[in-house]
PDB file of N, CA and C in Angstrom:
ATOM      1  N   MET A   1       0.789  -1.223  -0.082  1.00  0.00           N
ATOM      2  CA  MET A   1       0.167  -0.018  -0.098  1.00  0.00           C
ATOM      3  C   MET A   1       0.886   1.393  -0.037  1.00  0.00           C
ATOM      4  N   ALA A   2       0.507   2.213  -0.785  1.00  0.00           N
ATOM      5  CA  ALA A   2       1.216   3.455  -1.066  1.00  0.00           C
ATOM      6  C   ALA A   2       0.798   4.429  -0.321  1.00  0.00           C
ATOM      7  N   VAL A   3       1.572   5.469   0.293  1.00  0.00           N
ATOM      8  CA  VAL A   3       0.920   6.440   0.996  1.00  0.00           C
ATOM      9  C   VAL A   3       1.380   7.680   0.297  1.00  0.00           C
ATOM     10  N   LEU A   4       0.499   8.569  -0.042  1.00  0.00           N
ATOM     11  CA  LEU A   4       0.312   9.707  -0.777  1.00  0.00           C
ATOM     12  C   LEU A   4       0.320  11.126  -0.088  1.00  0.00           C
ATOM     13  N   LYS A   5       0.971  11.958  -0.389  1.00  0.00           N
ATOM     14  CA  LYS A   5       0.745  13.446   0.052  1.00  0.00           C
ATOM     15  C   LYS A   5       0.587  14.359  -0.903  1.00  0.00           C
ATOM     16  N   VAL A   6      -0.177  15.268  -0.818  1.00  0.00           N
ATOM     17  CA  VAL A   6      -0.439  16.448  -1.653  1.00  0.00           C
ATOM     18  C   VAL A   6      -0.092  17.576  -1.088  1.00  0.00           C
ATOM     19  N   ILE A   7       0.634  18.682  -1.810  1.00  0.00           N
ATOM     20  CA  ILE A   7       0.786  19.818  -1.727  1.00  0.00           C
ATOM     21  C   ILE A   7       0.476  21.031  -2.588  1.00  0.00           C
ATOM     22  N   GLU A   8       0.345  22.101  -1.977  1.00  0.00           N
ATOM     23  CA  GLU A   8      -0.342  23.024  -2.987  1.00  0.00           C
ATOM     24  C   GLU A   8       0.832  24.112  -3.338  1.00  0.00           C
ATOM     25  N   VAL A   9       0.818  24.560  -4.502  1.00  0.00           N
ATOM     26  CA  VAL A   9       1.832  25.472  -5.169  1.00  0.00           C
ATOM     27  C   VAL A   9       1.544  26.330  -6.221  1.00  0.00           C
ATOM     28  N   LEU A  10       2.069  27.671  -5.863  1.00  0.00           N
ATOM     29  CA  LEU A  10       1.743  28.728  -6.652  1.00  0.00           C
ATOM     30  C   LEU A  10       2.821  28.955  -7.724  1.00  0.00           C
ATOM     31  N   SER A  11       2.696  29.197  -8.989  1.00  0.00           N
ATOM     32  CA  SER A  11       3.670  29.578  -9.824  1.00  0.00           C
ATOM     33  C   SER A  11       3.146  30.545 -11.146  1.00  0.00           C
ATOM     34  N   ASN A  12       4.378  30.950 -11.561  1.00  0.00           N
ATOM     35  CA  ASN A  12       3.932  31.851 -12.673  1.00  0.00           C
ATOM     36  C   ASN A  12       4.961  31.877 -13.954  1.00  0.00           C
ATOM     37  N   SER A  13       4.614  32.455 -14.838  1.00  0.00           N
ATOM     38  CA  SER A  13       5.279  32.686 -16.278  1.00  0.00           C
ATOM     39  C   SER A  13       5.143  33.694 -16.873  1.00  0.00           C
ATOM     40  N   ASP A  14       5.784  33.950 -17.848  1.00  0.00           N
ATOM     41  CA  ASP A  14       5.792  35.206 -18.672  1.00  0.00           C
ATOM     42  C   ASP A  14       5.147  34.562 -19.994  1.00  0.00           C
ATOM     43  N   GLU A  15       5.232  32.919 -20.094  1.00  0.00           N
ATOM     44  CA  GLU A  15       4.864  32.604 -21.544  1.00  0.00           C
ATOM     45  C   GLU A  15       3.829  31.767 -21.669  1.00  0.00           C
ATOM     46  N   SER A  16       3.155  30.914 -20.634  1.00  0.00           N
ATOM     47  CA  SER A  16       1.895  30.435 -20.829  1.00  0.00           C
ATOM     48  C   SER A  16       1.791  29.673 -19.564  1.00  0.00           C
ATOM     49  N   TRP A  17       0.445  29.261 -19.175  1.00  0.00           N
ATOM     50  CA  TRP A  17      -0.065  28.314 -18.009  1.00  0.00           C
ATOM     51  C   TRP A  17       0.654  27.108 -18.026  1.00  0.00           C
ATOM     52  N   GLU A  18       0.853  26.405 -19.127  1.00  0.00           N
ATOM     53  CA  GLU A  18       1.673  25.061 -19.137  1.00  0.00           C
ATOM     54  C   GLU A  18       3.163  25.296 -18.687  1.00  0.00           C
ATOM     55  N   ASP A  19       3.678  26.527 -19.251  1.00  0.00           N
ATOM     56  CA  ASP A  19       5.131  26.488 -18.634  1.00  0.00           C
ATOM     57  C   ASP A  19       5.127  26.891 -16.946  1.00  0.00           C
ATOM     58  N   ALA A  20       4.049  27.629 -16.596  1.00  0.00           N
ATOM     59  CA  ALA A  20       4.106  27.906 -15.178  1.00  0.00           C
ATOM     60  C   ALA A  20       3.904  26.642 -14.434  1.00  0.00           C
ATOM     61  N   ALA A  21       3.135  25.646 -14.966  1.00  0.00           N
ATOM     62  CA  ALA A  21       2.872  24.055 -14.268  1.00  0.00           C
ATOM     63  C   ALA A  21       4.343  23.523 -14.111  1.00  0.00           C
ATOM     64  N   LYS A  22       4.994  23.746 -15.366  1.00  0.00           N
ATOM     65  CA  LYS A  22       6.000  22.955 -15.501  1.00  0.00           C
ATOM     66  C   LYS A  22       7.397  23.338 -14.460  1.00  0.00           C
ATOM     67  N   LYS A  23       7.242  24.829 -14.372  1.00  0.00           N
ATOM     68  CA  LYS A  23       8.018  25.437 -13.223  1.00  0.00           C
ATOM     69  C   LYS A  23       7.597  25.075 -11.861  1.00  0.00           C
ATOM     70  N   ALA A  24       6.306  24.831 -11.643  1.00  0.00           N
ATOM     71  CA  ALA A  24       6.206  24.471 -10.524  1.00  0.00           C
ATOM     72  C   ALA A  24       6.646  22.945 -10.021  1.00  0.00           C
ATOM     73  N   VAL A  25       6.558  22.026 -11.029  1.00  0.00           N
ATOM     74  CA  VAL A  25       7.132  20.410 -10.779  1.00  0.00           C
ATOM     75  C   VAL A  25       8.431  20.740 -10.772  1.00  0.00           C
ATOM     76  N   LYS A  26       9.018  21.401 -11.622  1.00  0.00           N
ATOM     77  CA  LYS A  26      10.550  21.578 -11.601  1.00  0.00           C
ATOM     78  C   LYS A  26      10.995  22.053  -9.909  1.00  0.00           C
ATOM     79  N   HIS A  27      10.490  23.260  -9.815  1.00  0.00           N
ATOM     80  CA  HIS A  27      10.835  23.409  -8.560  1.00  0.00           C
ATOM     81  C   HIS A  27      10.612  22.566  -7.225  1.00  0.00           C
ATOM     82  N   ALA A  28       9.604  22.084  -7.052  1.00  0.00           N
ATOM     83  CA  ALA A  28       9.072  21.291  -6.099  1.00  0.00           C
ATOM     84  C   ALA A  28      10.033  19.891  -6.286  1.00  0.00           C
ATOM     85  N   ALA A  29      10.477  19.420  -7.465  1.00  0.00           N
ATOM     86  CA  ALA A  29      11.253  18.230  -7.243  1.00  0.00           C
ATOM     87  C   ALA A  29      12.681  18.497  -6.920  1.00  0.00           C
ATOM     88  N   LYS A  30      13.049  19.732  -6.442  1.00  0.00           N
ATOM     89  CA  LYS A  30      14.184  20.074  -6.248  1.00  0.00           C
ATOM     90  C   LYS A  30      14.356  19.478  -4.589  1.00  0.00           C
ATOM     91  N   THR A  31      13.226  19.369  -3.915  1.00  0.00           N
ATOM     92  CA  THR A  31      13.463  19.032  -2.485  1.00  0.00           C
ATOM     93  C   THR A  31      12.474  17.757  -2.396  1.00  0.00           C
ATOM     94  N   ILE A  32      11.732  17.439  -3.019  1.00  0.00           N
ATOM     95  CA  ILE A  32      10.322  16.412  -3.162  1.00  0.00           C
ATOM     96  C   ILE A  32      10.695  15.077  -4.227  1.00  0.00           C
ATOM     97  N   LYS A  33      10.634  14.154  -3.555  1.00  0.00           N
ATOM     98  CA  LYS A  33      10.994  12.959  -4.315  1.00  0.00           C
ATOM     99  C   LYS A  33       9.783  11.996  -4.926  1.00  0.00           C
ATOM    100  N   ASN A  34       9.750  11.427  -5.858  1.00  0.00           N
ATOM    101  CA  ASN A  34       8.377  10.515  -6.155  1.00  0.00           C
ATOM    102  C   ASN A  34       7.352  11.173  -6.431  1.00  0.00           C
ATOM    103  N   ILE A  35       7.474  12.317  -7.197  1.00  0.00           N
ATOM    104  CA  ILE A  35       6.151  13.112  -7.804  1.00  0.00           C
ATOM    105  C   ILE A  35       5.414  12.065  -8.587  1.00  0.00           C
ATOM    106  N   LYS A  36       4.111  12.106  -8.422  1.00  0.00           N
ATOM    107  CA  LYS A  36       3.244  11.128  -9.207  1.00  0.00           C
ATOM    108  C   LYS A  36       2.309  11.981  -9.967  1.00  0.00           C
ATOM    109  N   SER A  37       1.901  12.976  -9.788  1.00  0.00           N
ATOM    110  CA  SER A  37       0.829  13.889 -10.540  1.00  0.00           C
ATOM    111  C   SER A  37       0.703  15.353 -10.423  1.00  0.00           C
ATOM    112  N   VAL A  38       0.030  15.947 -11.012  1.00  0.00           N
ATOM    113  CA  VAL A  38      -0.163  17.435 -10.999  1.00  0.00           C
ATOM    114  C   VAL A  38      -1.608  17.661 -11.148  1.00  0.00           C
ATOM    115  N   TYR A  39      -2.237  18.291 -10.612  1.00  0.00           N
ATOM    116  CA  TYR A  39      -3.325  18.771 -10.680  1.00  0.00           C
ATOM    117  C   TYR A  39      -3.748  20.122 -10.913  1.00  0.00           C
ATOM    118  N   ILE A  40      -3.956  21.037 -11.937  1.00  0.00           N
ATOM    119  CA  ILE A  40      -4.315  22.220 -12.285  1.00  0.00           C
ATOM    120  C   ILE A  40      -5.642  22.766 -11.497  1.00  0.00           C
ATOM    121  N   ASN A  41      -5.399  23.304 -10.206  1.00  0.00           N
ATOM    122  CA  ASN A  41      -6.231  23.901  -9.534  1.00  0.00           C
ATOM    123  C   ASN A  41      -7.237  25.084  -9.745  1.00  0.00           C
ATOM    124  N   GLU A  42      -6.259  26.066 -10.354  1.00  0.00           N
ATOM    125  CA  GLU A  42      -6.814  27.508 -10.604  1.00  0.00           C
ATOM    126  C   GLU A  42      -5.939  27.896 -11.500  1.00  0.00           C
ATOM    127  N   GLN A  43      -6.369  29.002 -12.596  1.00  0.00           N
ATOM    128  CA  GLN A  43      -5.615  29.367 -13.792  1.00  0.00           C
ATOM    129  C   GLN A  43      -5.814  30.980 -13.330  1.00  0.00           C
ATOM    130  N   SER A  44      -4.942  31.888 -13.479  1.00  0.00           N
ATOM    131  CA  SER A  44      -5.243  33.340 -13.599  1.00  0.00           C
ATOM    132  C   SER A  44      -4.243  33.753 -14.464  1.00  0.00           C
ATOM    133  N   ALA A  45      -4.452  35.091 -14.693  1.00  0.00           N
ATOM    134  CA  ALA A  45      -3.453  35.845 -15.546  1.00  0.00           C
ATOM    135  C   ALA A  45      -3.481  37.442 -15.196  1.00  0.00           C
ATOM    136  N   THR A  46      -2.337  38.128 -15.493  1.00  0.00           N
ATOM    137  CA  THR A  46      -2.364  39.504 -15.133  1.00  0.00           C
ATOM    138  C   THR A  46      -2.391  40.482 -16.635  1.00  0.00           C
ATOM    139  N   VAL A  47      -3.200  41.516 -16.527  1.00  0.00           N
ATOM    140  CA  VAL A  47      -3.165  42.162 -18.023  1.00  0.00           C
ATOM    141  C   VAL A  47      -2.702  43.437 -18.002  1.00  0.00           C
ATOM    142  N   SER A  48      -2.069  44.188 -18.733  1.00  0.00           N
ATOM    143  CA  SER A  48      -1.303  45.026 -18.944  1.00  0.00           C
ATOM    144  C   SER A  48      -2.184  45.697 -20.513  1.00  0.00           C
ATOM    145  N   GLY A  49      -2.921  46.682 -20.604  1.00  0.00           N
ATOM    146  CA  GLY A  49      -3.427  47.103 -21.446  1.00  0.00           C
ATOM    147  C   GLY A  49      -4.312  46.185 -22.331  1.00  0.00           C
ATOM    148  N   ASP A  50      -3.908  45.703 -23.463  1.00  0.00           N
ATOM    149  CA  ASP A  50      -4.730  44.519 -23.988  1.00  0.00           C
ATOM    150  C   ASP A  50      -3.511  43.134 -23.975  1.00  0.00           C
ATOM    151  N   ASP A  51      -2.655  42.895 -23.436  1.00  0.00           N
ATOM    152  CA  ASP A  51      -1.962  41.933 -23.352  1.00  0.00           C
ATOM    153  C   ASP A  51      -1.673  41.188 -22.106  1.00  0.00           C
ATOM    154  N   ILE A  52      -1.739  39.938 -22.076  1.00  0.00           N
ATOM    155  CA  ILE A  52      -1.436  39.112 -20.796  1.00  0.00           C
ATOM    156  C   ILE A  52       0.140  39.304 -20.580  1.00  0.00           C
ATOM    157  N   THR A  53       0.287  39.703 -19.398  1.00  0.00           N
ATOM    158  CA  THR A  53       1.751  39.722 -19.063  1.00  0.00           C
ATOM    159  C   THR A  53       2.354  38.897 -18.173  1.00  0.00           C
ATOM    160  N   GLU A  54       1.548  37.886 -17.497  1.00  0.00           N
ATOM    161  CA  GLU A  54       1.855  36.952 -16.670  1.00  0.00           C
ATOM    162  C   GLU A  54       0.882  35.779 -16.260  1.00  0.00           C
ATOM    163  N   PHE A  55       1.078  34.723 -16.580  1.00  0.00           N
ATOM    164  CA  PHE A  55       0.180  33.551 -16.245  1.00  0.00           C
ATOM    165  C   PHE A  55       0.427  32.909 -14.930  1.00  0.00           C
ATOM    166  N   ARG A  56      -0.616  32.561 -14.292  1.00  0.00           N
ATOM    167  CA  ARG A  56      -0.404  32.051 -12.980  1.00  0.00           C
ATOM    168  C   ARG A  56      -1.273  30.777 -12.959  1.00  0.00           C
ATOM    169  N   VAL A  57      -0.887  29.939 -11.978  1.00  0.00           N
ATOM    170  CA  VAL A  57      -1.464  28.500 -11.652  1.00  0.00           C
ATOM    171  C   VAL A  57      -1.236  28.234 -10.284  1.00  0.00           C
ATOM    172  N   ASN A  58      -2.384  27.524  -9.631  1.00  0.00           N
ATOM    173  CA  ASN A  58      -2.421  27.026  -8.448  1.00  0.00           C
ATOM    174  C   ASN A  58      -2.368  25.445  -8.541  1.00  0.00           C
ATOM    175  N   VAL A  59      -1.343  24.741  -8.584  1.00  0.00           N
ATOM    176  CA  VAL A  59      -1.261  23.405  -8.974  1.00  0.00           C
ATOM    177  C   VAL A  59      -1.275  22.614  -7.415  1.00  0.00           C
ATOM    178  N   LYS A  60      -1.807  21.367  -7.470  1.00  0.00           N
ATOM    179  CA  LYS A  60      -1.502  20.260  -6.320  1.00  0.00           C
ATOM    180  C   LYS A  60      -0.825  19.324  -6.958  1.00  0.00           C
ATOM    181  N   ILE A  61       0.123  19.029  -6.225  1.00  0.00           N
ATOM    182  CA  ILE A  61       1.481  18.339  -6.605  1.00  0.00           C
ATOM    183  C   ILE A  61       1.130  16.907  -5.563  1.00  0.00           C
ATOM    184  N   THR A  62       0.933  15.701  -6.132  1.00  0.00           N
ATOM    185  CA  THR A  62       0.772  14.441  -5.333  1.00  0.00           C
ATOM    186  C   THR A  62       2.181  13.753  -5.353  1.00  0.00           C
ATOM    187  N   PHE A  63       2.724  12.993  -4.397  1.00  0.00           N
ATOM    188  CA  PHE A  63       3.917  12.406  -4.413  1.00  0.00           C
ATOM    189  C   PHE A  63       3.998  11.319  -3.249  1.00  0.00           C
ATOM    190  N   GLU A  64       4.610  10.270  -3.771  1.00  0.00           N
ATOM    191  CA  GLU A  64       4.521   9.158  -2.606  1.00  0.00           C
ATOM    192  C   GLU A  64       5.409   9.008  -1.513  1.00  0.00           C
ATOM    193  N   VAL A  65       4.987   8.894  -0.346  1.00  0.00           N
ATOM    194  CA  VAL A  65       5.961   9.106   0.626  1.00  0.00           C
ATOM    195  C   VAL A  65       6.356   7.533   1.022  1.00  0.00           C
ATOM    196  N   LYS A  66       7.980   7.472   0.975  1.00  0.00           N
ATOM    197  CA  LYS A  66       8.483   6.081   1.299  1.00  0.00           C
ATOM    198  C   LYS A  66       8.723   5.879   2.706  1.00  0.00           C
TER     199      LYS A  66
END
């Protein structure tokens, strides 16, 4: 039987929501091992004029505790 833990991480990117999610996982993986999945909980963006200037995601990262 596996024991799983979930943490919530906020991340941002100048490029896309996908890039923001990838950055969240990459940063979490520096200290957390056995990451199994990512759930995109929420997406938002900041706007300046008529352009999106920053993409933001709130992700839940699931990992196995050994």
